[in-house]
Full PDB file with SEQRES, HELIX, SHEET, SSBOND, CRYST1, ORIGX, SCALE, CONECT and MASTER records, all heavy atoms in Angstrom:
SEQRES   1 A   30  MET GLU PRO LYS PRO PHE ASN SER GLY PHE LEU PRO VAL          
SEQRES   2 A   30  LYS ASP GLY HIS SER VAL TYR PHE ALA GLU TYR GLY ASN          
SEQRES   3 A   30  PRO LEU GLY GLU                                              
SHEET    1 AA1 2 ASN A   7  PHE A  10  0                                        
SHEET    2 AA1 2 TYR A  20  GLU A  23 -1                                        
CRYST1    1.000    1.000    1.000  90.00  90.00  90.00 P 1           1          
ORIGX1      1.000000  0.000000  0.000000        0.00000                         
ORIGX2      0.000000  1.000000  0.000000        0.00000                         
ORIGX3      0.000000  0.000000  1.000000        0.00000                         
SCALE1      1.000000  0.000000  0.000000        0.00000                         
SCALE2      0.000000  1.000000  0.000000        0.00000                         
SCALE3      0.000000  0.000000  1.000000        0.00000                         
ATOM      1  N   MET A   1      70.409  55.000  97.900  1.00  0.00           N  
ATOM      2  CA  MET A   1      69.266  55.028  98.819  1.00  0.00           C  
ATOM      3  C   MET A   1      69.621  54.563 100.226  1.00  0.00           C  
ATOM      4  O   MET A   1      68.815  54.675 101.138  1.00  0.00           O  
ATOM      5  CB  MET A   1      68.130  54.154  98.256  1.00  0.00           C  
ATOM      6  CG  MET A   1      67.502  54.721  97.000  1.00  0.00           C  
ATOM      7  SD  MET A   1      66.292  53.604  96.269  1.00  0.00           S  
ATOM      8  CE  MET A   1      65.010  53.636  97.524  1.00  0.00           C  
ATOM      9  N   GLU A   2      70.819  54.019 100.410  1.00  0.00           N  
ATOM     10  CA  GLU A   2      71.217  53.561 101.736  1.00  0.00           C  
ATOM     11  C   GLU A   2      71.304  54.731 102.713  1.00  0.00           C  
ATOM     12  O   GLU A   2      71.667  55.843 102.320  1.00  0.00           O  
ATOM     13  CB  GLU A   2      72.591  52.875 101.667  1.00  0.00           C  
ATOM     14  CG  GLU A   2      72.565  51.501 101.050  1.00  0.00           C  
ATOM     15  CD  GLU A   2      73.953  50.882 100.993  1.00  0.00           C  
ATOM     16  OE1 GLU A   2      74.955  51.639 101.119  1.00  0.00           O  
ATOM     17  OE2 GLU A   2      74.042  49.664 100.809  1.00  0.00           O  
ATOM     18  N   PRO A   3      70.983  54.486 103.996  1.00  0.00           N  
ATOM     19  CA  PRO A   3      71.126  55.563 104.977  1.00  0.00           C  
ATOM     20  C   PRO A   3      72.580  56.003 105.098  1.00  0.00           C  
ATOM     21  O   PRO A   3      73.501  55.200 104.925  1.00  0.00           O  
ATOM     22  CB  PRO A   3      70.628  54.933 106.280  1.00  0.00           C  
ATOM     23  CG  PRO A   3      70.732  53.458 106.069  1.00  0.00           C  
ATOM     24  CD  PRO A   3      70.515  53.230 104.615  1.00  0.00           C  
ATOM     25  N   LYS A   4      72.778  57.271 105.376  1.00  0.00           N  
ATOM     26  CA  LYS A   4      74.132  57.824 105.527  1.00  0.00           C  
ATOM     27  C   LYS A   4      74.402  58.074 107.013  1.00  0.00           C  
ATOM     28  O   LYS A   4      73.527  58.545 107.739  1.00  0.00           O  
ATOM     29  CB  LYS A   4      74.265  59.129 104.743  1.00  0.00           C  
ATOM     30  CG  LYS A   4      73.919  59.014 103.256  1.00  0.00           C  
ATOM     31  CD  LYS A   4      74.866  58.092 102.512  1.00  0.00           C  
ATOM     32  CE  LYS A   4      74.607  58.101 101.012  1.00  0.00           C  
ATOM     33  NZ  LYS A   4      73.328  57.455 100.645  1.00  0.00           N  
ATOM     34  N   PRO A   5      75.596  57.774 107.476  1.00  0.00           N  
ATOM     35  CA  PRO A   5      75.895  57.993 108.898  1.00  0.00           C  
ATOM     36  C   PRO A   5      75.975  59.483 109.229  1.00  0.00           C  
ATOM     37  O   PRO A   5      76.439  60.273 108.410  1.00  0.00           O  
ATOM     38  CB  PRO A   5      77.257  57.316 109.081  1.00  0.00           C  
ATOM     39  CG  PRO A   5      77.881  57.317 107.726  1.00  0.00           C  
ATOM     40  CD  PRO A   5      76.746  57.198 106.750  1.00  0.00           C  
ATOM     41  N   PHE A   6      75.505  59.857 110.413  1.00  0.00           N  
ATOM     42  CA  PHE A   6      75.679  61.243 110.855  1.00  0.00           C  
ATOM     43  C   PHE A   6      76.991  61.401 111.622  1.00  0.00           C  
ATOM     44  O   PHE A   6      77.448  62.512 111.880  1.00  0.00           O  
ATOM     45  CB  PHE A   6      74.490  61.705 111.711  1.00  0.00           C  
ATOM     46  CG  PHE A   6      74.348  61.013 113.050  1.00  0.00           C  
ATOM     47  CD1 PHE A   6      75.126  61.375 114.139  1.00  0.00           C  
ATOM     48  CD2 PHE A   6      73.404  60.008 113.220  1.00  0.00           C  
ATOM     49  CE1 PHE A   6      74.988  60.748 115.373  1.00  0.00           C  
ATOM     50  CE2 PHE A   6      73.254  59.378 114.452  1.00  0.00           C  
ATOM     51  CZ  PHE A   6      74.045  59.741 115.526  1.00  0.00           C  
ATOM     52  N   ASN A   7      77.604  60.249 111.955  1.00  0.00           N  
ATOM     53  CA  ASN A   7      78.878  60.280 112.670  1.00  0.00           C  
ATOM     54  C   ASN A   7      79.605  58.973 112.397  1.00  0.00           C  
ATOM     55  O   ASN A   7      78.994  57.898 112.396  1.00  0.00           O  
ATOM     56  CB  ASN A   7      78.644  60.440 114.176  1.00  0.00           C  
ATOM     57  CG  ASN A   7      79.946  60.480 114.970  1.00  0.00           C  
ATOM     58  OD1 ASN A   7      80.956  60.996 114.496  1.00  0.00           O  
ATOM     59  ND2 ASN A   7      79.928  59.939 116.174  1.00  0.00           N  
ATOM     60  N   SER A   8      80.894  59.059 112.127  1.00  0.00           N  
ATOM     61  CA  SER A   8      81.687  57.840 111.941  1.00  0.00           C  
ATOM     62  C   SER A   8      83.135  58.145 112.279  1.00  0.00           C  
ATOM     63  O   SER A   8      83.551  59.305 112.329  1.00  0.00           O  
ATOM     64  CB  SER A   8      81.577  57.331 110.498  1.00  0.00           C  
ATOM     65  OG  SER A   8      82.128  58.268 109.585  1.00  0.00           O  
ATOM     66  N   GLY A   9      83.893  57.104 112.527  1.00  0.00           N  
ATOM     67  CA  GLY A   9      85.304  57.293 112.865  1.00  0.00           C  
ATOM     68  C   GLY A   9      85.891  56.028 113.454  1.00  0.00           C  
ATOM     69  O   GLY A   9      85.407  54.927 113.178  1.00  0.00           O  
ATOM     70  N   PHE A  10      86.911  56.198 114.289  1.00  0.00           N  
ATOM     71  CA  PHE A  10      87.602  55.058 114.873  1.00  0.00           C  
ATOM     72  C   PHE A  10      87.737  55.260 116.376  1.00  0.00           C  
ATOM     73  O   PHE A  10      87.965  56.383 116.849  1.00  0.00           O  
ATOM     74  CB  PHE A  10      88.988  54.890 114.263  1.00  0.00           C  
ATOM     75  CG  PHE A  10      88.976  54.472 112.817  1.00  0.00           C  
ATOM     76  CD1 PHE A  10      88.877  55.423 111.810  1.00  0.00           C  
ATOM     77  CD2 PHE A  10      89.041  53.131 112.476  1.00  0.00           C  
ATOM     78  CE1 PHE A  10      88.864  55.039 110.477  1.00  0.00           C  
ATOM     79  CE2 PHE A  10      89.025  52.744 111.142  1.00  0.00           C  
ATOM     80  CZ  PHE A  10      88.931  53.691 110.141  1.00  0.00           C  
ATOM     81  N   LEU A  11      87.616  54.182 117.120  1.00  0.00           N  
ATOM     82  CA  LEU A  11      87.914  54.225 118.544  1.00  0.00           C  
ATOM     83  C   LEU A  11      89.419  54.430 118.735  1.00  0.00           C  
ATOM     84  O   LEU A  11      90.211  54.066 117.855  1.00  0.00           O  
ATOM     85  CB  LEU A  11      87.501  52.913 119.215  1.00  0.00           C  
ATOM     86  CG  LEU A  11      86.013  52.700 119.491  1.00  0.00           C  
ATOM     87  CD1 LEU A  11      85.790  51.300 120.073  1.00  0.00           C  
ATOM     88  CD2 LEU A  11      85.476  53.750 120.442  1.00  0.00           C  
ATOM     89  N   PRO A  12      89.822  54.987 119.859  1.00  0.00           N  
ATOM     90  CA  PRO A  12      91.259  55.062 120.141  1.00  0.00           C  
ATOM     91  C   PRO A  12      91.892  53.681 120.039  1.00  0.00           C  
ATOM     92  O   PRO A  12      91.299  52.679 120.461  1.00  0.00           O  
ATOM     93  CB  PRO A  12      91.303  55.596 121.579  1.00  0.00           C  
ATOM     94  CG  PRO A  12      90.024  56.358 121.735  1.00  0.00           C  
ATOM     95  CD  PRO A  12      89.015  55.612 120.927  1.00  0.00           C  
ATOM     96  N   VAL A  13      93.081  53.610 119.469  1.00  0.00           N  
ATOM     97  CA  VAL A  13      93.753  52.328 119.244  1.00  0.00           C  
ATOM     98  C   VAL A  13      93.971  51.596 120.569  1.00  0.00           C  
ATOM     99  O   VAL A  13      94.393  52.191 121.567  1.00  0.00           O  
ATOM    100  CB  VAL A  13      95.106  52.540 118.539  1.00  0.00           C  
ATOM    101  CG1 VAL A  13      95.862  51.217 118.408  1.00  0.00           C  
ATOM    102  CG2 VAL A  13      94.894  53.160 117.161  1.00  0.00           C  
ATOM    103  N   LYS A  14      93.640  50.304 120.561  1.00  0.00           N  
ATOM    104  CA  LYS A  14      93.892  49.456 121.728  1.00  0.00           C  
ATOM    105  C   LYS A  14      94.395  48.103 121.240  1.00  0.00           C  
ATOM    106  O   LYS A  14      93.842  47.527 120.296  1.00  0.00           O  
ATOM    107  CB  LYS A  14      92.625  49.269 122.566  1.00  0.00           C  
ATOM    108  CG  LYS A  14      92.870  48.473 123.845  1.00  0.00           C  
ATOM    109  CD  LYS A  14      91.619  48.354 124.698  1.00  0.00           C  
ATOM    110  CE  LYS A  14      91.931  47.570 125.974  1.00  0.00           C  
ATOM    111  NZ  LYS A  14      90.714  47.389 126.818  1.00  0.00           N  
ATOM    112  N   ASP A  15      95.445  47.596 121.852  1.00  0.00           N  
ATOM    113  CA  ASP A  15      96.028  46.294 121.482  1.00  0.00           C  
ATOM    114  C   ASP A  15      96.430  46.254 120.011  1.00  0.00           C  
ATOM    115  O   ASP A  15      96.415  45.190 119.379  1.00  0.00           O  
ATOM    116  CB  ASP A  15      95.037  45.149 121.760  1.00  0.00           C  
ATOM    117  CG  ASP A  15      94.586  45.094 123.208  1.00  0.00           C  
ATOM    118  OD1 ASP A  15      95.404  45.413 124.083  1.00  0.00           O  
ATOM    119  OD2 ASP A  15      93.417  44.737 123.446  1.00  0.00           O  
ATOM    120  N   GLY A  16      96.752  47.410 119.440  1.00  0.00           N  
ATOM    121  CA  GLY A  16      97.134  47.456 118.041  1.00  0.00           C  
ATOM    122  C   GLY A  16      95.964  47.460 117.073  1.00  0.00           C  
ATOM    123  O   GLY A  16      96.159  47.402 115.862  1.00  0.00           O  
ATOM    124  N   HIS A  17      94.730  47.546 117.592  1.00  0.00           N  
ATOM    125  CA  HIS A  17      93.529  47.547 116.756  1.00  0.00           C  
ATOM    126  C   HIS A  17      92.861  48.922 116.752  1.00  0.00           C  
ATOM    127  O   HIS A  17      92.705  49.551 117.799  1.00  0.00           O  
ATOM    128  CB  HIS A  17      92.513  46.520 117.272  1.00  0.00           C  
ATOM    129  CG  HIS A  17      92.898  45.107 117.011  1.00  0.00           C  
ATOM    130  ND1 HIS A  17      92.567  44.445 115.848  1.00  0.00           N  
ATOM    131  CD2 HIS A  17      93.605  44.217 117.768  1.00  0.00           C  
ATOM    132  CE1 HIS A  17      93.035  43.205 115.900  1.00  0.00           C  
ATOM    133  NE2 HIS A  17      93.671  43.039 117.059  1.00  0.00           N  
ATOM    134  N   SER A  18      92.461  49.356 115.566  1.00  0.00           N  
ATOM    135  CA  SER A  18      91.699  50.591 115.393  1.00  0.00           C  
ATOM    136  C   SER A  18      90.316  50.199 114.883  1.00  0.00           C  
ATOM    137  O   SER A  18      90.167  49.744 113.746  1.00  0.00           O  
ATOM    138  CB  SER A  18      92.409  51.502 114.381  1.00  0.00           C  
ATOM    139  OG  SER A  18      91.743  52.739 114.264  1.00  0.00           O  
ATOM    140  N   VAL A  19      89.312  50.351 115.733  1.00  0.00           N  
ATOM    141  CA  VAL A  19      87.967  49.840 115.452  1.00  0.00           C  
ATOM    142  C   VAL A  19      87.088  50.930 114.851  1.00  0.00           C  
ATOM    143  O   VAL A  19      86.897  51.996 115.448  1.00  0.00           O  
ATOM    144  CB  VAL A  19      87.327  49.288 116.751  1.00  0.00           C  
ATOM    145  CG1 VAL A  19      85.860  48.909 116.521  1.00  0.00           C  
ATOM    146  CG2 VAL A  19      88.122  48.082 117.253  1.00  0.00           C  
ATOM    147  N   TYR A  20      86.549  50.634 113.667  1.00  0.00           N  
ATOM    148  CA  TYR A  20      85.681  51.575 112.955  1.00  0.00           C  
ATOM    149  C   TYR A  20      84.260  51.515 113.512  1.00  0.00           C  
ATOM    150  O   TYR A  20      83.752  50.452 113.854  1.00  0.00           O  
ATOM    151  CB  TYR A  20      85.644  51.226 111.465  1.00  0.00           C  
ATOM    152  CG  TYR A  20      84.635  52.040 110.673  1.00  0.00           C  
ATOM    153  CD1 TYR A  20      84.954  53.300 110.180  1.00  0.00           C  
ATOM    154  CD2 TYR A  20      83.359  51.538 110.419  1.00  0.00           C  
ATOM    155  CE1 TYR A  20      84.026  54.045 109.462  1.00  0.00           C  
ATOM    156  CE2 TYR A  20      82.427  52.274 109.701  1.00  0.00           C  
ATOM    157  CZ  TYR A  20      82.762  53.519 109.224  1.00  0.00           C  
ATOM    158  OH  TYR A  20      81.836  54.266 108.522  1.00  0.00           O  
ATOM    159  N   PHE A  21      83.610  52.695 113.588  1.00  0.00           N  
ATOM    160  CA  PHE A  21      82.205  52.744 114.004  1.00  0.00           C  
ATOM    161  C   PHE A  21      81.453  53.746 113.136  1.00  0.00           C  
ATOM    162  O   PHE A  21      82.034  54.618 112.480  1.00  0.00           O  
ATOM    163  CB  PHE A  21      82.084  53.132 115.485  1.00  0.00           C  
ATOM    164  CG  PHE A  21      82.438  54.570 115.768  1.00  0.00           C  
ATOM    165  CD1 PHE A  21      81.495  55.586 115.668  1.00  0.00           C  
ATOM    166  CD2 PHE A  21      83.741  54.925 116.125  1.00  0.00           C  
ATOM    167  CE1 PHE A  21      81.824  56.909 115.910  1.00  0.00           C  
ATOM    168  CE2 PHE A  21      84.085  56.246 116.364  1.00  0.00           C  
ATOM    169  CZ  PHE A  21      83.126  57.246 116.261  1.00  0.00           C  
ATOM    170  N   ALA A  22      80.133  53.618 113.115  1.00  0.00           N  
ATOM    171  CA  ALA A  22      79.274  54.563 112.392  1.00  0.00           C  
ATOM    172  C   ALA A  22      77.931  54.643 113.109  1.00  0.00           C  
ATOM    173  O   ALA A  22      77.455  53.648 113.668  1.00  0.00           O  
ATOM    174  CB  ALA A  22      79.069  54.130 110.948  1.00  0.00           C  
ATOM    175  N   GLU A  23      77.338  55.841 113.093  1.00  0.00           N  
ATOM    176  CA  GLU A  23      76.032  56.054 113.715  1.00  0.00           C  
ATOM    177  C   GLU A  23      75.038  56.544 112.675  1.00  0.00           C  
ATOM    178  O   GLU A  23      75.360  57.406 111.848  1.00  0.00           O  
ATOM    179  CB  GLU A  23      76.131  57.092 114.830  1.00  0.00           C  
ATOM    180  CG  GLU A  23      77.017  56.700 115.991  1.00  0.00           C  
ATOM    181  CD  GLU A  23      76.898  57.709 117.127  1.00  0.00           C  
ATOM    182  OE1 GLU A  23      75.983  57.588 117.950  1.00  0.00           O  
ATOM    183  OE2 GLU A  23      77.720  58.646 117.155  1.00  0.00           O  
ATOM    184  N   TYR A  24      73.833  56.011 112.745  1.00  0.00           N  
ATOM    185  CA  TYR A  24      72.775  56.350 111.793  1.00  0.00           C  
ATOM    186  C   TYR A  24      71.526  56.796 112.543  1.00  0.00           C  
ATOM    187  O   TYR A  24      71.286  56.404 113.680  1.00  0.00           O  
ATOM    188  CB  TYR A  24      72.424  55.130 110.935  1.00  0.00           C  
ATOM    189  CG  TYR A  24      73.569  54.606 110.109  1.00  0.00           C  
ATOM    190  CD1 TYR A  24      74.525  53.755 110.672  1.00  0.00           C  
ATOM    191  CD2 TYR A  24      73.709  54.956 108.774  1.00  0.00           C  
ATOM    192  CE1 TYR A  24      75.590  53.271 109.920  1.00  0.00           C  
ATOM    193  CE2 TYR A  24      74.774  54.473 108.010  1.00  0.00           C  
ATOM    194  CZ  TYR A  24      75.700  53.639 108.587  1.00  0.00           C  
ATOM    195  OH  TYR A  24      76.746  53.163 107.841  1.00  0.00           O  
ATOM    196  N   GLY A  25      70.738  57.628 111.860  1.00  0.00           N  
ATOM    197  CA  GLY A  25      69.448  58.007 112.426  1.00  0.00           C  
ATOM    198  C   GLY A  25      69.471  59.302 113.204  1.00  0.00           C  
ATOM    199  O   GLY A  25      70.129  60.272 112.820  1.00  0.00           O  
ATOM    200  N   ASN A  26      68.787  59.304 114.340  1.00  0.00           N  
ATOM    201  CA  ASN A  26      68.596  60.494 115.163  1.00  0.00           C  
ATOM    202  C   ASN A  26      69.653  60.554 116.267  1.00  0.00           C  
ATOM    203  O   ASN A  26      69.676  59.689 117.142  1.00  0.00           O  
ATOM    204  CB  ASN A  26      67.192  60.448 115.773  1.00  0.00           C  
ATOM    205  CG  ASN A  26      66.865  61.682 116.585  1.00  0.00           C  
ATOM    206  OD1 ASN A  26      67.722  62.507 116.880  1.00  0.00           O  
ATOM    207  ND2 ASN A  26      65.608  61.819 116.958  1.00  0.00           N  
ATOM    208  N   PRO A  27      70.526  61.564 116.270  1.00  0.00           N  
ATOM    209  CA  PRO A  27      71.572  61.667 117.302  1.00  0.00           C  
ATOM    210  C   PRO A  27      71.010  61.708 118.717  1.00  0.00           C  
ATOM    211  O   PRO A  27      71.714  61.346 119.670  1.00  0.00           O  
ATOM    212  CB  PRO A  27      72.284  62.974 116.961  1.00  0.00           C  
ATOM    213  CG  PRO A  27      71.973  63.220 115.521  1.00  0.00           C  
ATOM    214  CD  PRO A  27      70.603  62.665 115.286  1.00  0.00           C  
ATOM    215  N   LEU A  28      69.757  62.155 118.857  1.00  0.00           N  
ATOM    216  CA  LEU A  28      69.138  62.240 120.175  1.00  0.00           C  
ATOM    217  C   LEU A  28      68.187  61.073 120.429  1.00  0.00           C  
ATOM    218  O   LEU A  28      67.490  61.035 121.443  1.00  0.00           O  
ATOM    219  CB  LEU A  28      68.375  63.559 120.313  1.00  0.00           C  
ATOM    220  CG  LEU A  28      69.213  64.837 120.131  1.00  0.00           C  
ATOM    221  CD1 LEU A  28      68.336  66.073 120.234  1.00  0.00           C  
ATOM    222  CD2 LEU A  28      70.345  64.891 121.164  1.00  0.00           C  
ATOM    223  N   GLY A  29      68.145  60.135 119.518  1.00  0.00           N  
ATOM    224  CA  GLY A  29      67.206  59.022 119.625  1.00  0.00           C  
ATOM    225  C   GLY A  29      67.643  57.954 120.615  1.00  0.00           C  
ATOM    226  O   GLY A  29      68.762  57.962 121.134  1.00  0.00           O  
ATOM    227  N   GLU A  30      66.732  57.018 120.843  1.00  0.00           N  
ATOM    228  CA  GLU A  30      67.021  55.898 121.730  1.00  0.00           C  
ATOM    229  C   GLU A  30      68.102  55.031 121.087  1.00  0.00           C  
ATOM    230  O   GLU A  30      68.003  54.671 119.912  1.00  0.00           O  
ATOM    231  CB  GLU A  30      65.747  55.089 121.949  1.00  0.00           C  
ATOM    232  CG  GLU A  30      65.829  54.126 123.106  1.00  0.00           C  
ATOM    233  CD  GLU A  30      64.477  53.520 123.458  1.00  0.00           C  
ATOM    234  OE1 GLU A  30      63.467  53.935 122.855  1.00  0.00           O  
ATOM    235  OE2 GLU A  30      64.458  52.621 124.316  1.00  0.00           O  
TER     236      GLU A  30                                                      
MASTER        0    0    0    0    2    0    0    6  235    1    0    3          
END                                                                             
């Protein structure tokens, strides 16, 4: 029942770190 991301991935590597992100909800929303 958990919301599913409409977009997820990693930011370009910086300082040896790859940062994960995810977006939920309305892509055109506030």
